[in-house]
């Protein structure tokens, strides 16, 4: 429970988001998404990728939807659930959709998340997922640029295996083909939400509820 509380607290202080956390109770048909108070751009930076090369967040994702998540492979709950859900969705969606979507997993624990570790962990989920790592300073700089909570390593909070916890934002930021994010998908996002939204994001179709759009209340990516 402590681990979930850390992640939830990180999510709650993300002032750039209109909403955060699990979907509110209701009919069960509402998509679990949070529209940003203001759009944010994909940072103009490069990090080490799982193939050993430098991966540029903008230049290496041209004209595609880019999903960016900050987490760590030793996370016991939020990270594996988010990524496993996306992996299942990638297997269910047609190739013409998934080939237009990049999933970037940026580690907030570069000390333990070596390139080999990321290759093994992400490879067990989906071969197209890209793991990225950098120094703590680089990661914190990117988090600040995106307006999400800066991840926090808690060495005093030991796990049963002698490890430690890392508090981090629980949202997946969705960048459209123009390298701009207007929506995020929080902890609690269901596979059916991704199955509904990813094809629309790829086609550039509107998502209902974006406060930055016209009077009809729809987003235009």
C-alpha atoms as a PDB file:
ATOM      1  CA  UNK A   1       0.000   0.000   0.000  1.00  0.00           C
ATOM      2  CA  UNK A   2       2.878   2.341   0.756  1.00  0.00           C
ATOM      3  CA  UNK A   3       4.031   2.032  -2.859  1.00  0.00           C
ATOM      4  CA  UNK A   4       0.633   2.962  -4.218  1.00  0.00           C
ATOM      5  CA  UNK A   5       0.426   5.935  -1.850  1.00  0.00           C
ATOM      6  CA  UNK A   6       3.781   7.261  -3.070  1.00  0.00           C
ATOM      7  CA  UNK A   7       2.708   7.109  -6.708  1.00  0.00           C
ATOM      8  CA  UNK A   8      -0.713   8.543  -5.969  1.00  0.00           C
ATOM      9  CA  UNK A   9       0.836  11.448  -4.106  1.00  0.00           C
ATOM     10  CA  UNK A  10       3.124  12.155  -7.039  1.00  0.00           C
ATOM     11  CA  UNK A  11       0.141  12.143  -9.339  1.00  0.00           C
ATOM     12  CA  UNK A  12      -1.845  14.500  -7.127  1.00  0.00           C
ATOM     13  CA  UNK A  13       0.704  17.295  -7.231  1.00  0.00           C
ATOM     14  CA  UNK A  14       0.987  17.414 -11.023  1.00  0.00           C
ATOM     15  CA  UNK A  15      -0.426  20.912 -11.522  1.00  0.00           C
ATOM     16  CA  UNK A  16      -0.250  20.612 -15.321  1.00  0.00           C
ATOM     17  CA  UNK A  17      -3.110  18.137 -15.374  1.00  0.00           C
ATOM     18  CA  UNK A  18      -6.799  18.783 -15.173  1.00  0.00           C
ATOM     19  CA  UNK A  19      -7.331  15.472 -13.457  1.00  0.00           C
ATOM     20  CA  UNK A  20      -5.251  12.592 -12.247  1.00  0.00           C
ATOM     21  CA  UNK A  21      -5.599   9.213 -10.644  1.00  0.00           C
ATOM     22  CA  UNK A  22      -8.058   6.380 -11.182  1.00  0.00           C
ATOM     23  CA  UNK A  23     -11.224   7.003 -13.161  1.00  0.00           C
ATOM     24  CA  UNK A  24     -14.067   8.459 -11.167  1.00  0.00           C
ATOM     25  CA  UNK A  25     -16.970   6.137 -10.326  1.00  0.00           C
ATOM     26  CA  UNK A  26     -19.725   6.184 -12.861  1.00  0.00           C
ATOM     27  CA  UNK A  27     -21.228   4.083 -15.572  1.00  0.00           C
ATOM     28  CA  UNK A  28     -17.867   2.502 -16.347  1.00  0.00           C
ATOM     29  CA  UNK A  29     -17.941   3.821 -19.916  1.00  0.00           C
ATOM     30  CA  UNK A  30     -16.011   7.037 -19.296  1.00  0.00           C
ATOM     31  CA  UNK A  31     -12.487   6.961 -20.726  1.00  0.00           C
ATOM     32  CA  UNK A  32      -9.737   7.281 -18.142  1.00  0.00           C
ATOM     33  CA  UNK A  33      -7.913  10.261 -19.541  1.00  0.00           C
ATOM     34  CA  UNK A  34      -6.839  13.636 -18.180  1.00  0.00           C
ATOM     35  CA  UNK A  35      -6.632  16.714 -20.388  1.00  0.00           C
ATOM     36  CA  UNK A  36      -3.728  19.039 -19.786  1.00  0.00           C
ATOM     37  CA  UNK A  37      -4.257  22.587 -18.572  1.00  0.00           C
ATOM     38  CA  UNK A  38      -1.873  23.648 -21.357  1.00  0.00           C
ATOM     39  CA  UNK A  39      -0.264  21.584 -24.138  1.00  0.00           C
ATOM     40  CA  UNK A  40       3.339  20.507 -23.625  1.00  0.00           C
ATOM     41  CA  UNK A  41       5.939  19.797 -26.266  1.00  0.00           C
ATOM     42  CA  UNK A  42       8.081  16.709 -26.584  1.00  0.00           C
ATOM     43  CA  UNK A  43      11.497  17.715 -25.185  1.00  0.00           C
ATOM     44  CA  UNK A  44      14.293  18.287 -27.683  1.00  0.00           C
ATOM     45  CA  UNK A  45      16.657  15.828 -25.997  1.00  0.00           C
ATOM     46  CA  UNK A  46      18.341  12.471 -26.576  1.00  0.00           C
ATOM     47  CA  UNK A  47      18.840   9.576 -24.153  1.00  0.00           C
ATOM     48  CA  UNK A  48      20.505   6.161 -24.316  1.00  0.00           C
ATOM     49  CA  UNK A  49      18.143   3.587 -25.808  1.00  0.00           C
ATOM     50  CA  UNK A  50      17.939  -0.156 -25.321  1.00  0.00           C
ATOM     51  CA  UNK A  51      19.822  -0.704 -28.591  1.00  0.00           C
ATOM     52  CA  UNK A  52      22.806   1.190 -27.186  1.00  0.00           C
ATOM     53  CA  UNK A  53      22.327   4.201 -29.467  1.00  0.00           C
ATOM     54  CA  UNK A  54      21.226   7.719 -28.640  1.00  0.00           C
ATOM     55  CA  UNK A  55      17.480   8.131 -29.131  1.00  0.00           C
ATOM     56  CA  UNK A  56      16.193  11.635 -29.836  1.00  0.00           C
ATOM     57  CA  UNK A  57      12.692  12.093 -28.488  1.00  0.00           C
ATOM     58  CA  UNK A  58      11.631  14.366 -31.363  1.00  0.00           C
ATOM     59  CA  UNK A  59      13.790  13.414 -34.320  1.00  0.00           C
ATOM     60  CA  UNK A  60      13.342   9.661 -33.877  1.00  0.00           C
ATOM     61  CA  UNK A  61       9.535   9.788 -33.612  1.00  0.00           C
ATOM     62  CA  UNK A  62       8.610  11.739 -36.765  1.00  0.00           C
ATOM     63  CA  UNK A  63       4.916  12.076 -37.504  1.00  0.00           C
ATOM     64  CA  UNK A  64       3.879   9.357 -35.060  1.00  0.00           C
ATOM     65  CA  UNK A  65       1.971   9.220 -31.798  1.00  0.00           C
ATOM     66  CA  UNK A  66       4.442   8.938 -28.919  1.00  0.00           C
ATOM     67  CA  UNK A  67       3.486   7.574 -25.496  1.00  0.00           C
ATOM     68  CA  UNK A  68       5.949   8.558 -22.763  1.00  0.00           C
ATOM     69  CA  UNK A  69       5.999   6.981 -19.308  1.00  0.00           C
ATOM     70  CA  UNK A  70       8.459   7.534 -16.472  1.00  0.00           C
ATOM     71  CA  UNK A  71       8.949   4.524 -14.217  1.00  0.00           C
ATOM     72  CA  UNK A  72      11.347   1.796 -13.202  1.00  0.00           C
ATOM     73  CA  UNK A  73      11.567  -1.931 -13.777  1.00  0.00           C
ATOM     74  CA  UNK A  74      11.666  -2.826 -10.088  1.00  0.00           C
ATOM     75  CA  UNK A  75       8.348  -1.054  -9.504  1.00  0.00           C
ATOM     76  CA  UNK A  76       5.998  -3.605  -7.915  1.00  0.00           C
ATOM     77  CA  UNK A  77       2.678  -2.370  -9.244  1.00  0.00           C
ATOM     78  CA  UNK A  78       2.012   0.756 -11.317  1.00  0.00           C
ATOM     79  CA  UNK A  79       4.761   0.352 -13.946  1.00  0.00           C
ATOM     80  CA  UNK A  80       4.182  -3.297 -14.848  1.00  0.00           C
ATOM     81  CA  UNK A  81       0.405  -2.802 -14.981  1.00  0.00           C
ATOM     82  CA  UNK A  82       0.622   0.249 -17.261  1.00  0.00           C
ATOM     83  CA  UNK A  83       3.100  -1.427 -19.583  1.00  0.00           C
ATOM     84  CA  UNK A  84       1.358  -4.819 -19.599  1.00  0.00           C
ATOM     85  CA  UNK A  85      -1.926  -3.131 -20.521  1.00  0.00           C
ATOM     86  CA  UNK A  86      -0.245  -1.315 -23.395  1.00  0.00           C
ATOM     87  CA  UNK A  87       1.401  -4.529 -24.549  1.00  0.00           C
ATOM     88  CA  UNK A  88      -1.968  -6.301 -24.611  1.00  0.00           C
ATOM     89  CA  UNK A  89      -3.487  -3.414 -26.560  1.00  0.00           C
ATOM     90  CA  UNK A  90      -0.634  -3.511 -29.086  1.00  0.00           C
ATOM     91  CA  UNK A  91      -1.366  -7.182 -29.691  1.00  0.00           C
ATOM     92  CA  UNK A  92      -5.066  -6.473 -30.238  1.00  0.00           C
ATOM     93  CA  UNK A  93      -4.807  -3.408 -32.480  1.00  0.00           C
ATOM     94  CA  UNK A  94      -4.141  -3.733 -36.218  1.00  0.00           C
ATOM     95  CA  UNK A  95      -0.594  -3.213 -37.439  1.00  0.00           C
ATOM     96  CA  UNK A  96      -1.541  -0.068 -39.351  1.00  0.00           C
ATOM     97  CA  UNK A  97      -2.280   1.565 -35.984  1.00  0.00           C
ATOM     98  CA  UNK A  98       0.540   0.230 -33.813  1.00  0.00           C
ATOM     99  CA  UNK A  99       3.257   0.984 -36.370  1.00  0.00           C
ATOM    100  CA  UNK A 100       2.312   4.654 -35.971  1.00  0.00           C
ATOM    101  CA  UNK A 101       2.747   4.581 -32.171  1.00  0.00           C
ATOM    102  CA  UNK A 102       6.010   4.661 -30.219  1.00  0.00           C
ATOM    103  CA  UNK A 103       6.061   3.668 -26.551  1.00  0.00           C
ATOM    104  CA  UNK A 104       8.955   5.209 -24.618  1.00  0.00           C
ATOM    105  CA  UNK A 105       9.723   3.930 -21.119  1.00  0.00           C
ATOM    106  CA  UNK A 106      12.061   6.412 -19.407  1.00  0.00           C
ATOM    107  CA  UNK A 107      13.636   4.899 -16.329  1.00  0.00           C
ATOM    108  CA  UNK A 108      13.637   6.912 -13.136  1.00  0.00           C
ATOM    109  CA  UNK A 109      16.107   4.454 -11.612  1.00  0.00           C
ATOM    110  CA  UNK A 110      19.110   4.449 -13.968  1.00  0.00           C
ATOM    111  CA  UNK A 111      21.379   3.021 -11.279  1.00  0.00           C
ATOM    112  CA  UNK A 112      19.565  -0.330 -11.315  1.00  0.00           C
ATOM    113  CA  UNK A 113      17.902  -0.140 -14.712  1.00  0.00           C
ATOM    114  CA  UNK A 114      20.893  -0.939 -16.864  1.00  0.00           C
ATOM    115  CA  UNK A 115      20.474  -1.248 -20.614  1.00  0.00           C
ATOM    116  CA  UNK A 116      20.537  -5.032 -20.270  1.00  0.00           C
ATOM    117  CA  UNK A 117      17.864  -4.918 -17.582  1.00  0.00           C
ATOM    118  CA  UNK A 118      15.617  -2.701 -19.739  1.00  0.00           C
ATOM    119  CA  UNK A 119      16.093  -4.981 -22.743  1.00  0.00           C
ATOM    120  CA  UNK A 120      15.034  -8.017 -20.721  1.00  0.00           C
ATOM    121  CA  UNK A 121      12.119  -6.364 -18.900  1.00  0.00           C
ATOM    122  CA  UNK A 122      10.602  -4.556 -21.878  1.00  0.00           C
ATOM    123  CA  UNK A 123      11.346  -7.417 -24.248  1.00  0.00           C
ATOM    124  CA  UNK A 124       9.156  -9.671 -22.150  1.00  0.00           C
ATOM    125  CA  UNK A 125       6.290  -7.214 -22.683  1.00  0.00           C
ATOM    126  CA  UNK A 126       6.539  -6.134 -26.308  1.00  0.00           C
ATOM    127  CA  UNK A 127       9.469  -6.024 -28.749  1.00  0.00           C
ATOM    128  CA  UNK A 128       8.596  -2.537 -30.000  1.00  0.00           C
ATOM    129  CA  UNK A 129       8.708  -0.816 -26.613  1.00  0.00           C
ATOM    130  CA  UNK A 130      11.756   1.416 -26.267  1.00  0.00           C
ATOM    131  CA  UNK A 131      13.597   1.820 -22.990  1.00  0.00           C
ATOM    132  CA  UNK A 132      15.500   5.042 -22.359  1.00  0.00           C
ATOM    133  CA  UNK A 133      17.979   5.934 -19.659  1.00  0.00           C
ATOM    134  CA  UNK A 134      20.072   8.922 -18.700  1.00  0.00           C
ATOM    135  CA  UNK A 135      21.605  10.517 -15.649  1.00  0.00           C
ATOM    136  CA  UNK A 136      19.403  11.554 -12.750  1.00  0.00           C
ATOM    137  CA  UNK A 137      19.965  15.196 -13.739  1.00  0.00           C
ATOM    138  CA  UNK A 138      18.866  14.509 -17.323  1.00  0.00           C
ATOM    139  CA  UNK A 139      15.734  12.686 -16.217  1.00  0.00           C
ATOM    140  CA  UNK A 140      14.781  15.392 -13.714  1.00  0.00           C
ATOM    141  CA  UNK A 141      15.273  18.068 -16.363  1.00  0.00           C
ATOM    142  CA  UNK A 142      12.905  16.284 -18.748  1.00  0.00           C
ATOM    143  CA  UNK A 143      10.319  15.768 -16.005  1.00  0.00           C
ATOM    144  CA  UNK A 144      10.397  19.492 -15.227  1.00  0.00           C
ATOM    145  CA  UNK A 145      10.049  20.396 -18.894  1.00  0.00           C
ATOM    146  CA  UNK A 146       6.939  18.231 -19.063  1.00  0.00           C
ATOM    147  CA  UNK A 147       5.475  19.678 -15.868  1.00  0.00           C
ATOM    148  CA  UNK A 148       5.200  16.339 -14.088  1.00  0.00           C
ATOM    149  CA  UNK A 149       6.453  15.597 -10.563  1.00  0.00           C
ATOM    150  CA  UNK A 150      10.161  14.969 -10.340  1.00  0.00           C
ATOM    151  CA  UNK A 151      10.864  11.355  -9.429  1.00  0.00           C
ATOM    152  CA  UNK A 152      12.290  10.702  -5.980  1.00  0.00           C
ATOM    153  CA  UNK A 153      14.555   7.837  -4.952  1.00  0.00           C
ATOM    154  CA  UNK A 154      13.833   6.652  -1.397  1.00  0.00           C
ATOM    155  CA  UNK A 155      16.910   4.667  -0.289  1.00  0.00           C
ATOM    156  CA  UNK A 156      15.683   4.531   3.309  1.00  0.00           C
ATOM    157  CA  UNK A 157      12.513   2.654   2.289  1.00  0.00           C
ATOM    158  CA  UNK A 158      13.888  -0.826   1.746  1.00  0.00           C
ATOM    159  CA  UNK A 159      11.976  -3.527  -0.044  1.00  0.00           C
ATOM    160  CA  UNK A 160      11.872  -7.151   1.028  1.00  0.00           C
ATOM    161  CA  UNK A 161      14.702  -7.990  -1.371  1.00  0.00           C
ATOM    162  CA  UNK A 162      16.931  -5.213  -0.047  1.00  0.00           C
ATOM    163  CA  UNK A 163      16.096  -2.752  -2.801  1.00  0.00           C
ATOM    164  CA  UNK A 164      14.424   0.645  -2.534  1.00  0.00           C
ATOM    165  CA  UNK A 165      11.354   2.483  -3.784  1.00  0.00           C
ATOM    166  CA  UNK A 166      11.221   5.262  -6.367  1.00  0.00           C
ATOM    167  CA  UNK A 167       8.325   7.718  -6.293  1.00  0.00           C
ATOM    168  CA  UNK A 168       7.341   8.837  -9.798  1.00  0.00           C
ATOM    169  CA  UNK A 169       4.463  10.243 -11.820  1.00  0.00           C
ATOM    170  CA  UNK A 170       1.832   7.672 -12.736  1.00  0.00           C
ATOM    171  CA  UNK A 171       0.682   9.180 -16.041  1.00  0.00           C
ATOM    172  CA  UNK A 172       1.399   8.161 -19.602  1.00  0.00           C
ATOM    173  CA  UNK A 173       1.728  11.321 -21.698  1.00  0.00           C
ATOM    174  CA  UNK A 174       0.324  11.000 -25.213  1.00  0.00           C
ATOM    175  CA  UNK A 175       2.088  13.145 -27.825  1.00  0.00           C
ATOM    176  CA  UNK A 176       0.340  13.602 -31.152  1.00  0.00           C
ATOM    177  CA  UNK A 177       2.093  13.608 -34.518  1.00  0.00           C
ATOM    178  CA  UNK A 178       2.939  17.292 -34.010  1.00  0.00           C
ATOM    179  CA  UNK A 179       5.033  16.396 -30.913  1.00  0.00           C
ATOM    180  CA  UNK A 180       2.510  18.040 -28.594  1.00  0.00           C
ATOM    181  CA  UNK A 181       0.728  16.393 -25.662  1.00  0.00           C
ATOM    182  CA  UNK A 182      -2.735  17.561 -24.736  1.00  0.00           C
ATOM    183  CA  UNK A 183      -3.857  14.471 -22.846  1.00  0.00           C
ATOM    184  CA  UNK A 184      -2.445  12.027 -20.299  1.00  0.00           C
ATOM    185  CA  UNK A 185      -3.556   8.573 -19.224  1.00  0.00           C
ATOM    186  CA  UNK A 186      -3.347   8.010 -15.462  1.00  0.00           C
ATOM    187  CA  UNK A 187      -3.115   4.972 -13.245  1.00  0.00           C
ATOM    188  CA  UNK A 188      -6.383   3.133 -13.715  1.00  0.00           C
ATOM    189  CA  UNK A 189      -6.492   3.461 -17.502  1.00  0.00           C
ATOM    190  CA  UNK A 190      -8.108   0.338 -18.907  1.00  0.00           C
ATOM    191  CA  UNK A 191      -7.238  -1.547 -22.046  1.00  0.00           C
ATOM    192  CA  UNK A 192     -10.549  -0.566 -23.590  1.00  0.00           C
ATOM    193  CA  UNK A 193      -9.629   3.107 -23.107  1.00  0.00           C
ATOM    194  CA  UNK A 194      -6.421   2.598 -25.071  1.00  0.00           C
ATOM    195  CA  UNK A 195      -8.230   0.544 -27.720  1.00  0.00           C
ATOM    196  CA  UNK A 196     -10.697   3.397 -28.170  1.00  0.00           C
ATOM    197  CA  UNK A 197      -8.267   6.311 -28.145  1.00  0.00           C
ATOM    198  CA  UNK A 198      -5.084   5.122 -29.868  1.00  0.00           C
ATOM    199  CA  UNK A 199      -6.645   4.702 -33.341  1.00  0.00           C
ATOM    200  CA  UNK A 200      -8.214   8.147 -33.021  1.00  0.00           C
ATOM    201  CA  UNK A 201      -4.925   9.698 -31.956  1.00  0.00           C
ATOM    202  CA  UNK A 202      -3.182   8.057 -34.913  1.00  0.00           C
ATOM    203  CA  UNK A 203      -5.843   9.355 -37.321  1.00  0.00           C
ATOM    204  CA  UNK A 204      -5.698  12.816 -35.755  1.00  0.00           C
ATOM    205  CA  UNK A 205      -9.344  12.670 -34.782  1.00  0.00           C
ATOM    206  CA  UNK A 206     -10.758  14.732 -31.895  1.00  0.00           C
ATOM    207  CA  UNK A 207     -11.030  13.482 -28.342  1.00  0.00           C
ATOM    208  CA  UNK A 208     -14.023  14.833 -26.446  1.00  0.00           C
ATOM    209  CA  UNK A 209     -13.250  17.060 -23.493  1.00  0.00           C
ATOM    210  CA  UNK A 210     -10.088  18.951 -24.411  1.00  0.00           C
ATOM    211  CA  UNK A 211     -10.455  22.393 -22.847  1.00  0.00           C
ATOM    212  CA  UNK A 212      -8.019  23.904 -25.360  1.00  0.00           C
ATOM    213  CA  UNK A 213     -10.347  23.489 -28.342  1.00  0.00           C
ATOM    214  CA  UNK A 214     -13.406  25.036 -29.876  1.00  0.00           C
ATOM    215  CA  UNK A 215     -16.776  25.525 -28.268  1.00  0.00           C
ATOM    216  CA  UNK A 216     -17.890  22.027 -29.178  1.00  0.00           C
ATOM    217  CA  UNK A 217     -15.576  20.760 -26.439  1.00  0.00           C
ATOM    218  CA  UNK A 218     -13.544  18.461 -28.665  1.00  0.00           C
ATOM    219  CA  UNK A 219      -9.834  18.242 -29.093  1.00  0.00           C
ATOM    220  CA  UNK A 220      -8.254  18.554 -32.513  1.00  0.00           C
ATOM    221  CA  UNK A 221      -4.809  17.005 -32.687  1.00  0.00           C
END
